[in-house]
Each structure stands twice: as C-alpha cells, then as structure tokens.
Amino acid sequence: MDLHELRWSGSEKKIARQAFEAAIEAALAGIVTKFKAKAAAVVTVSDVWDIENYLRRLRREADELFDYRYSRLCSVFARLICLGHMDEGQLAGLSDDKREIILGLRDWMRER
C-alpha cells in the first residue's frame, strides 16, 4: 500500500497526535538531560562551542524526525519505536493495516 494513499480517521488522527506528542516529550527530555551533563562538564570555551555544535546537530535531527505529515507518519512512528521514544502500545486504536505497516518498517529499520 502506498503510504500517501493511507486515510486517517478522526479517531486515528487523535491517537497519532497523542503518540507523536508523547514521543517528542520523551526525546526532548533526553536531550535536556544530556545537555545538562555536557554543560556541567564545560571547562573551556572550546567545550561551549562543542555543545553548540552538538545542539545544532540534534536540532537538525529532531526537525527531520518529527515530521507530522500523514504521508510520513508510519515511517516516523517506526523510527520513533526503534529509537525508544515510542512504544508499540501507543499505536493501539490505529487500523490493523497502519500498525502492520509501522511494525514492518520498524523491523526493516532494525535489520539495517
């Protein structure tokens, strides 16, 4: 099935949004924790610039990862599961075909 042709019902959109927001919160909490540890270890100005580069990289990665276009959600959810930011249980209520696509993509990503 073409991911661009998937149709999302109103209830699926609500479930997807809740799962997406929870994943963002989890990912950002991890970033904040890592940032605090890095900031606490700063000794030189070079360390500060290293943190700046680290944060820029994370921002780019987050902007790419957290893409809430419905045509991209299945692959986004699969990647979020692989990264540990989302649990498969959060997908309960999505149609069987969407869950199968997401879990199939997750398996494929894990094999790579």
Protein backbone atom coordinates (compact mmCIF):
# COMPACT_ATOMS: atom_id res chain seq x y z
CA MET A 1 0.00 0.00 0.00
CA ASP A 2 1.27 3.47 -0.88
CA LEU A 3 1.78 5.48 2.30
CA HIS A 4 0.49 8.58 0.52
CA GLU A 5 -2.85 6.85 -0.05
CA LEU A 6 -3.50 5.94 3.58
CA ARG A 7 -6.57 7.59 5.04
CA TRP A 8 -6.63 8.55 8.70
CA SER A 9 -9.96 8.62 10.53
CA GLY A 10 -10.68 11.30 13.10
CA SER A 11 -10.03 8.91 15.99
CA GLU A 12 -6.78 7.71 14.38
CA LYS A 13 -5.64 11.29 13.95
CA LYS A 14 -6.24 11.90 17.66
CA ILE A 15 -4.34 8.73 18.66
CA ALA A 16 -1.50 9.59 16.28
CA ARG A 17 -1.22 13.13 17.63
CA GLN A 18 -1.13 11.93 21.25
CA ALA A 19 1.54 9.33 20.47
CA PHE A 20 3.54 11.87 18.48
CA GLU A 21 3.44 14.48 21.25
CA ALA A 22 4.44 11.90 23.87
CA ALA A 23 7.40 10.85 21.69
CA ILE A 24 8.51 14.47 21.28
CA GLU A 25 8.32 14.96 25.05
CA ALA A 26 10.38 11.81 25.67
CA ALA A 27 13.01 12.74 23.09
CA LEU A 28 13.34 16.31 24.32
CA ALA A 29 13.63 15.18 27.93
CA GLY A 30 16.58 13.03 26.89
CA ILE A 31 18.17 15.96 25.07
CA VAL A 32 17.80 18.20 28.12
CA THR A 33 19.38 15.57 30.37
CA LYS A 34 22.35 15.12 28.03
CA PHE A 35 22.72 18.88 27.63
CA LYS A 36 22.84 19.42 31.40
CA ALA A 37 25.55 16.79 31.76
CA LYS A 38 27.60 18.33 28.97
CA ALA A 39 27.11 21.85 30.33
CA ALA A 40 28.19 20.76 33.79
CA ALA A 41 31.42 19.39 32.32
CA VAL A 42 32.36 22.62 30.50
CA VAL A 43 35.87 23.76 31.30
CA THR A 44 36.97 25.72 28.24
CA VAL A 45 35.39 27.95 25.63
CA SER A 46 36.02 25.14 23.18
CA ASP A 47 33.70 22.96 25.29
CA VAL A 48 30.98 25.61 24.90
CA TRP A 49 31.33 25.60 21.11
CA ASP A 50 31.27 21.81 21.11
CA ILE A 51 27.94 21.95 22.93
CA GLU A 52 26.65 24.48 20.42
CA ASN A 53 27.57 22.15 17.54
CA TYR A 54 26.01 19.22 19.40
CA LEU A 55 22.75 21.13 19.90
CA ARG A 56 22.65 22.26 16.25
CA ARG A 57 23.06 18.66 15.12
CA LEU A 58 20.33 17.47 17.48
CA ARG A 59 18.02 20.24 16.28
CA ARG A 60 18.50 19.18 12.65
CA GLU A 61 17.89 15.54 13.55
CA ALA A 62 14.76 16.41 15.54
CA ASP A 63 13.42 18.59 12.72
CA GLU A 64 13.86 15.68 10.31
CA LEU A 65 12.48 13.07 12.67
CA PHE A 66 9.40 14.84 13.98
CA ASP A 67 7.54 15.23 10.70
CA TYR A 68 3.77 15.15 11.29
CA ARG A 69 2.63 14.82 7.71
CA TYR A 70 0.18 11.93 7.48
CA SER A 71 2.04 10.60 4.43
CA ARG A 72 5.16 10.25 6.63
CA LEU A 73 3.67 9.18 9.97
CA CYS A 74 4.06 5.43 9.53
CA SER A 75 7.79 5.73 8.88
CA VAL A 76 8.15 8.38 11.60
CA PHE A 77 6.43 6.12 14.12
CA ALA A 78 8.60 3.15 13.08
CA ARG A 79 11.74 5.20 13.62
CA LEU A 80 10.50 6.56 16.95
CA ILE A 81 9.91 2.99 18.14
CA CYS A 82 13.42 1.98 17.02
CA LEU A 83 14.91 4.94 18.88
CA GLY A 84 12.97 4.11 22.05
CA HIS A 85 10.89 7.31 22.04
CA MET A 86 7.63 5.47 21.40
CA ASP A 87 6.11 2.20 22.49
CA GLU A 88 4.05 -0.01 20.18
CA GLY A 89 1.22 0.15 22.71
CA GLN A 90 0.75 3.82 21.91
CA LEU A 91 -0.48 2.76 18.46
CA ALA A 92 -3.49 0.91 19.87
CA GLY A 93 -6.57 2.17 18.08
CA LEU A 94 -4.90 2.62 14.71
CA SER A 95 -6.17 0.36 11.95
CA ASP A 96 -4.56 -3.04 11.50
CA ASP A 97 -3.12 -2.02 8.14
CA LYS A 98 -1.37 1.03 9.62
CA ARG A 99 0.03 -0.95 12.54
CA GLU A 100 1.26 -3.65 10.15
CA ILE A 101 2.99 -1.03 8.00
CA ILE A 102 4.57 0.66 11.03
CA LEU A 103 5.81 -2.61 12.55
CA GLY A 104 7.05 -3.84 9.16
CA LEU A 105 9.02 -0.61 8.71
CA ARG A 106 10.33 -0.94 12.29
CA ASP A 107 11.57 -4.45 11.56
CA TRP A 108 13.19 -3.32 8.32
CA MET A 109 14.93 -0.41 10.11
CA ARG A 110 16.23 -2.72 12.82
CA GLU A 111 17.74 -5.03 10.21
CA ARG A 112 19.66 -2.19 8.55
